[in-house]
Amino acid sequence: MTTLLNTEISFRFLKLDKFQAYSLVREIIGSSHSEANNLNKQEYVAHVPLTTENFEVINDYYVRQRIALEACDILVSVSAEQANGAVDIPLIVNKMLKYIDCKLTFSYCVKLV
């Protein structure tokens, strides 16, 4: 029996203004944004697939937009068919942390079959 394990790695910008959110999706292929649940301020959360193709573009956007370190993270999302197991995190996550030392956020979902 094979176990289905799906891992997605995203770099997230957690507090973008409207202009930043809309310009990001134009600049980085595969990125998306949604409005954050912040009652006091209109902010957006943007997800960018953390890939070798997007690595430099993410870093450039981060520097150019002067994003605060606490306003971004790397999201590791795992969905599996069983609760036990190990997940190999790609080396690109370590590489990104050397450039942008942001926090890591993990999401684990077990699909009952």
N, C-alpha and C. Protein backbone atom coordinates (compact mmCIF):
# COMPACT_ATOMS: atom_id res chain seq x y z
N MET A 1 0.83 -1.19 0.00
CA MET A 1 0.00 0.00 0.00
C MET A 1 0.88 1.25 0.00
N THR A 2 0.64 2.13 -0.94
CA THR A 2 1.39 3.39 -0.99
C THR A 2 0.64 4.47 -0.24
N THR A 3 1.41 5.27 0.44
CA THR A 3 0.84 6.39 1.20
C THR A 3 1.00 7.66 0.39
N LEU A 4 -0.11 8.35 0.22
CA LEU A 4 -0.07 9.62 -0.50
C LEU A 4 0.41 10.71 0.45
N LEU A 5 1.47 11.39 0.05
CA LEU A 5 2.02 12.48 0.83
C LEU A 5 2.28 13.64 -0.12
N ASN A 6 1.64 14.76 0.12
CA ASN A 6 1.79 15.92 -0.75
C ASN A 6 2.34 17.08 0.08
N THR A 7 3.45 17.66 -0.39
CA THR A 7 4.08 18.77 0.32
C THR A 7 4.14 19.99 -0.60
N GLU A 8 3.72 21.12 -0.09
CA GLU A 8 3.81 22.39 -0.82
C GLU A 8 4.57 23.38 0.04
N ILE A 9 5.51 24.08 -0.59
CA ILE A 9 6.31 25.08 0.11
C ILE A 9 6.02 26.44 -0.51
N SER A 10 5.64 27.39 0.31
CA SER A 10 5.35 28.75 -0.16
C SER A 10 6.08 29.77 0.69
N PHE A 11 6.55 30.82 0.03
CA PHE A 11 7.03 31.99 0.76
C PHE A 11 5.83 32.92 0.86
N ARG A 12 5.54 33.41 2.06
CA ARG A 12 4.38 34.28 2.23
C ARG A 12 4.79 35.67 2.67
N PHE A 13 4.18 36.65 2.04
CA PHE A 13 4.26 38.04 2.47
C PHE A 13 2.95 38.28 3.23
N LEU A 14 3.03 38.59 4.51
CA LEU A 14 1.86 38.58 5.38
C LEU A 14 1.14 39.91 5.53
N LYS A 15 1.78 41.02 5.18
CA LYS A 15 1.17 42.33 5.41
C LYS A 15 1.42 43.28 4.25
N LEU A 16 0.94 42.93 3.08
CA LEU A 16 1.12 43.80 1.92
C LEU A 16 -0.04 44.78 1.81
N ASP A 17 0.24 45.96 1.27
CA ASP A 17 -0.87 46.85 0.95
C ASP A 17 -1.43 46.44 -0.42
N LYS A 18 -2.48 47.08 -0.83
CA LYS A 18 -3.18 46.69 -2.05
C LYS A 18 -2.27 46.77 -3.28
N PHE A 19 -1.51 47.85 -3.40
CA PHE A 19 -0.62 48.02 -4.53
C PHE A 19 0.45 46.92 -4.57
N GLN A 20 1.06 46.64 -3.41
CA GLN A 20 2.08 45.59 -3.33
C GLN A 20 1.50 44.23 -3.72
N ALA A 21 0.30 43.93 -3.24
CA ALA A 21 -0.32 42.63 -3.53
C ALA A 21 -0.59 42.46 -5.01
N TYR A 22 -1.14 43.48 -5.63
CA TYR A 22 -1.46 43.38 -7.06
C TYR A 22 -0.21 43.40 -7.93
N SER A 23 0.82 44.14 -7.54
CA SER A 23 2.05 44.15 -8.33
C SER A 23 2.81 42.84 -8.19
N LEU A 24 2.73 42.21 -7.02
CA LEU A 24 3.43 40.93 -6.81
C LEU A 24 2.91 39.86 -7.75
N VAL A 25 1.60 39.74 -7.91
CA VAL A 25 1.07 38.69 -8.78
C VAL A 25 1.39 38.95 -10.25
N ARG A 26 1.68 40.18 -10.59
CA ARG A 26 2.11 40.48 -11.96
C ARG A 26 3.58 40.15 -12.17
N GLU A 27 4.36 40.29 -11.11
CA GLU A 27 5.81 40.09 -11.21
C GLU A 27 6.24 38.63 -11.06
N ILE A 28 5.52 37.86 -10.25
CA ILE A 28 5.96 36.50 -9.94
C ILE A 28 4.91 35.50 -10.41
N ILE A 29 5.28 34.69 -11.38
CA ILE A 29 4.38 33.68 -11.93
C ILE A 29 4.02 32.66 -10.86
N GLY A 30 2.73 32.34 -10.76
CA GLY A 30 2.26 31.36 -9.80
C GLY A 30 1.90 31.90 -8.45
N SER A 31 2.13 33.20 -8.24
CA SER A 31 1.81 33.78 -6.94
C SER A 31 0.33 34.16 -6.87
N SER A 32 -0.16 34.30 -5.66
CA SER A 32 -1.56 34.70 -5.45
C SER A 32 -1.64 35.52 -4.17
N HIS A 33 -2.76 36.19 -3.99
CA HIS A 33 -2.96 36.97 -2.76
C HIS A 33 -4.42 36.91 -2.35
N SER A 34 -4.65 37.20 -1.08
CA SER A 34 -6.01 37.29 -0.55
C SER A 34 -6.00 38.34 0.55
N GLU A 35 -7.16 38.88 0.82
CA GLU A 35 -7.26 39.90 1.85
C GLU A 35 -7.11 39.25 3.22
N ALA A 36 -6.31 39.87 4.07
CA ALA A 36 -6.08 39.35 5.42
C ALA A 36 -7.28 39.67 6.31
N ASN A 37 -7.44 38.91 7.36
CA ASN A 37 -8.52 39.15 8.32
C ASN A 37 -8.05 40.14 9.39
N ASN A 38 -7.90 41.38 8.99
CA ASN A 38 -7.48 42.43 9.90
C ASN A 38 -8.54 43.52 9.87
N LEU A 39 -9.23 43.70 10.98
CA LEU A 39 -10.33 44.66 11.04
C LEU A 39 -9.85 46.11 11.03
N ASN A 40 -8.64 46.35 11.50
CA ASN A 40 -8.14 47.72 11.64
C ASN A 40 -7.51 48.27 10.37
N LYS A 41 -7.05 47.40 9.46
CA LYS A 41 -6.27 47.85 8.33
C LYS A 41 -6.50 46.92 7.15
N GLN A 42 -6.53 47.46 5.95
CA GLN A 42 -6.67 46.62 4.76
C GLN A 42 -5.29 46.10 4.37
N GLU A 43 -5.08 44.82 4.63
CA GLU A 43 -3.81 44.17 4.31
C GLU A 43 -4.07 42.90 3.52
N TYR A 44 -3.03 42.47 2.82
CA TYR A 44 -3.13 41.28 1.97
C TYR A 44 -2.02 40.30 2.32
N VAL A 45 -2.34 39.02 2.18
CA VAL A 45 -1.37 37.95 2.33
C VAL A 45 -1.12 37.38 0.94
N ALA A 46 0.16 37.27 0.58
CA ALA A 46 0.51 36.74 -0.74
C ALA A 46 1.31 35.45 -0.57
N HIS A 47 0.99 34.47 -1.42
CA HIS A 47 1.68 33.18 -1.43
C HIS A 47 2.49 33.10 -2.72
N VAL A 48 3.76 32.73 -2.59
CA VAL A 48 4.62 32.53 -3.76
C VAL A 48 5.24 31.14 -3.63
N PRO A 49 5.06 30.29 -4.64
CA PRO A 49 5.70 28.97 -4.57
C PRO A 49 7.21 29.14 -4.41
N LEU A 50 7.79 28.48 -3.42
CA LEU A 50 9.23 28.59 -3.20
C LEU A 50 9.92 27.56 -4.08
N THR A 51 10.38 28.02 -5.23
CA THR A 51 11.06 27.17 -6.21
C THR A 51 12.37 27.83 -6.60
N THR A 52 13.22 27.08 -7.27
CA THR A 52 14.49 27.64 -7.75
C THR A 52 14.23 28.77 -8.74
N GLU A 53 13.18 28.65 -9.53
CA GLU A 53 12.84 29.69 -10.50
C GLU A 53 12.40 30.99 -9.82
N ASN A 54 11.74 30.88 -8.68
CA ASN A 54 11.22 32.06 -7.98
C ASN A 54 12.16 32.61 -6.91
N PHE A 55 13.22 31.90 -6.61
CA PHE A 55 14.09 32.25 -5.49
C PHE A 55 14.60 33.70 -5.57
N GLU A 56 15.25 34.05 -6.65
CA GLU A 56 15.82 35.40 -6.79
C GLU A 56 14.74 36.47 -6.86
N VAL A 57 13.63 36.15 -7.50
CA VAL A 57 12.54 37.13 -7.64
C VAL A 57 11.93 37.43 -6.27
N ILE A 58 11.77 36.41 -5.44
CA ILE A 58 11.25 36.61 -4.08
C ILE A 58 12.21 37.51 -3.30
N ASN A 59 13.49 37.18 -3.35
CA ASN A 59 14.49 37.97 -2.62
C ASN A 59 14.51 39.42 -3.11
N ASP A 60 14.46 39.63 -4.43
CA ASP A 60 14.45 40.98 -4.99
C ASP A 60 13.21 41.76 -4.54
N TYR A 61 12.05 41.11 -4.58
CA TYR A 61 10.80 41.77 -4.17
C TYR A 61 10.88 42.16 -2.69
N TYR A 62 11.37 41.24 -1.87
CA TYR A 62 11.50 41.48 -0.43
C TYR A 62 12.37 42.72 -0.17
N VAL A 63 13.50 42.81 -0.84
CA VAL A 63 14.42 43.93 -0.64
C VAL A 63 13.83 45.22 -1.22
N ARG A 64 13.33 45.15 -2.45
CA ARG A 64 12.81 46.35 -3.12
C ARG A 64 11.62 46.96 -2.38
N GLN A 65 10.74 46.11 -1.85
CA GLN A 65 9.55 46.61 -1.16
C GLN A 65 9.81 46.90 0.33
N ARG A 66 11.02 46.60 0.78
CA ARG A 66 11.40 46.84 2.18
C ARG A 66 10.43 46.17 3.16
N ILE A 67 10.20 44.90 2.92
CA ILE A 67 9.29 44.12 3.76
C ILE A 67 9.97 43.85 5.11
N ALA A 68 9.24 44.03 6.19
CA ALA A 68 9.77 43.73 7.52
C ALA A 68 9.90 42.22 7.69
N LEU A 69 10.92 41.80 8.41
CA LEU A 69 11.18 40.38 8.62
C LEU A 69 9.98 39.67 9.25
N GLU A 70 9.31 40.34 10.17
CA GLU A 70 8.16 39.71 10.84
C GLU A 70 6.91 39.71 9.95
N ALA A 71 6.99 40.29 8.77
CA ALA A 71 5.85 40.33 7.86
C ALA A 71 5.96 39.29 6.75
N CYS A 72 6.75 38.25 7.00
CA CYS A 72 6.84 37.16 6.02
C CYS A 72 7.17 35.86 6.74
N ASP A 73 6.92 34.76 6.06
CA ASP A 73 7.28 33.44 6.58
C ASP A 73 7.38 32.45 5.42
N ILE A 74 7.84 31.26 5.75
CA ILE A 74 7.84 30.16 4.80
C ILE A 74 6.83 29.16 5.33
N LEU A 75 5.83 28.85 4.50
CA LEU A 75 4.77 27.92 4.88
C LEU A 75 5.04 26.56 4.26
N VAL A 76 5.13 25.55 5.11
CA VAL A 76 5.27 24.17 4.66
C VAL A 76 3.93 23.49 4.92
N SER A 77 3.22 23.15 3.85
CA SER A 77 1.91 22.51 3.97
C SER A 77 2.03 21.05 3.54
N VAL A 78 1.59 20.16 4.42
CA VAL A 78 1.66 18.73 4.15
C VAL A 78 0.26 18.14 4.27
N SER A 79 -0.13 17.37 3.27
CA SER A 79 -1.36 16.59 3.37
C SER A 79 -0.99 15.13 3.15
N ALA A 80 -1.55 14.26 3.98
CA ALA A 80 -1.20 12.84 3.94
C ALA A 80 -2.42 11.99 4.22
N GLU A 81 -2.29 10.71 3.92
CA GLU A 81 -3.37 9.76 4.19
C GLU A 81 -3.20 9.07 5.54
N GLN A 82 -2.10 9.32 6.23
CA GLN A 82 -1.92 8.74 7.56
C GLN A 82 -1.27 9.76 8.48
N ALA A 83 -1.48 9.59 9.78
CA ALA A 83 -1.02 10.57 10.76
C ALA A 83 0.47 10.45 11.05
N ASN A 84 1.05 9.30 10.85
CA ASN A 84 2.47 9.10 11.14
C ASN A 84 3.29 9.18 9.87
N GLY A 85 4.50 9.67 10.00
CA GLY A 85 5.38 9.72 8.84
C GLY A 85 6.39 10.83 8.98
N ALA A 86 7.30 10.85 8.04
CA ALA A 86 8.34 11.87 8.01
C ALA A 86 8.25 12.63 6.70
N VAL A 87 8.55 13.89 6.75
CA VAL A 87 8.50 14.74 5.57
C VAL A 87 9.89 15.33 5.34
N ASP A 88 10.42 15.13 4.16
CA ASP A 88 11.69 15.75 3.79
C ASP A 88 11.42 17.16 3.30
N ILE A 89 12.04 18.11 3.96
CA ILE A 89 11.90 19.51 3.55
C ILE A 89 12.98 19.80 2.51
N PRO A 90 12.62 20.35 1.36
CA PRO A 90 13.62 20.62 0.32
C PRO A 90 14.70 21.60 0.78
N LEU A 91 15.90 21.44 0.24
CA LEU A 91 17.03 22.29 0.60
C LEU A 91 16.82 23.76 0.28
N ILE A 92 15.91 24.05 -0.64
CA ILE A 92 15.65 25.45 -0.98
C ILE A 92 15.14 26.24 0.23
N VAL A 93 14.49 25.55 1.17
CA VAL A 93 14.03 26.23 2.39
C VAL A 93 15.23 26.72 3.20
N ASN A 94 16.24 25.86 3.36
CA ASN A 94 17.45 26.26 4.08
C ASN A 94 18.15 27.41 3.36
N LYS A 95 18.20 27.33 2.04
CA LYS A 95 18.85 28.37 1.26
C LYS A 95 18.14 29.72 1.45
N MET A 96 16.80 29.69 1.41
CA MET A 96 16.04 30.93 1.59
C MET A 96 16.26 31.51 2.98
N LEU A 97 16.33 30.64 3.99
CA LEU A 97 16.55 31.13 5.36
C LEU A 97 17.91 31.81 5.53
N LYS A 98 18.88 31.47 4.69
CA LYS A 98 20.18 32.15 4.73
C LYS A 98 20.07 33.57 4.19
N TYR A 99 19.14 33.80 3.27
CA TYR A 99 18.94 35.13 2.69
C TYR A 99 17.93 35.94 3.49
N ILE A 100 16.81 35.31 3.79
CA ILE A 100 15.75 35.98 4.56
C ILE A 100 15.44 35.06 5.74
N ASP A 101 15.90 35.44 6.91
CA ASP A 101 15.80 34.59 8.10
C ASP A 101 14.44 34.76 8.77
N CYS A 102 13.39 34.39 8.04
CA CYS A 102 12.03 34.54 8.55
C CYS A 102 11.61 33.28 9.30
N LYS A 103 10.45 33.34 9.89
CA LYS A 103 9.96 32.19 10.65
C LYS A 103 9.42 31.12 9.70
N LEU A 104 9.31 29.90 10.22
CA LEU A 104 8.71 28.78 9.50
C LEU A 104 7.33 28.50 10.09
N THR A 105 6.37 28.24 9.22
CA THR A 105 5.03 27.87 9.65
C THR A 105 4.71 26.52 9.01
N PHE A 106 4.17 25.59 9.80
CA PHE A 106 3.85 24.27 9.29
C PHE A 106 2.35 24.03 9.35
N SER A 107 1.86 23.38 8.32
CA SER A 107 0.45 22.98 8.26
C SER A 107 0.43 21.50 7.89
N TYR A 108 -0.26 20.69 8.69
CA TYR A 108 -0.33 19.25 8.44
C TYR A 108 -1.79 18.82 8.44
N CYS A 109 -2.19 18.18 7.38
CA CYS A 109 -3.59 17.75 7.23
C CYS A 109 -3.62 16.26 6.90
N VAL A 110 -4.40 15.51 7.66
CA VAL A 110 -4.57 14.08 7.40
C VAL A 110 -5.91 13.87 6.74
N LYS A 111 -5.86 13.26 5.55
CA LYS A 111 -7.08 12.95 4.80
C LYS A 111 -7.49 11.53 5.12
N LEU A 112 -8.66 11.37 5.66
CA LEU A 112 -9.17 10.04 5.97
C LEU A 112 -9.72 9.39 4.71
N VAL A 113 -9.27 8.17 4.45
CA VAL A 113 -9.75 7.45 3.27
C VAL A 113 -10.49 6.21 3.65
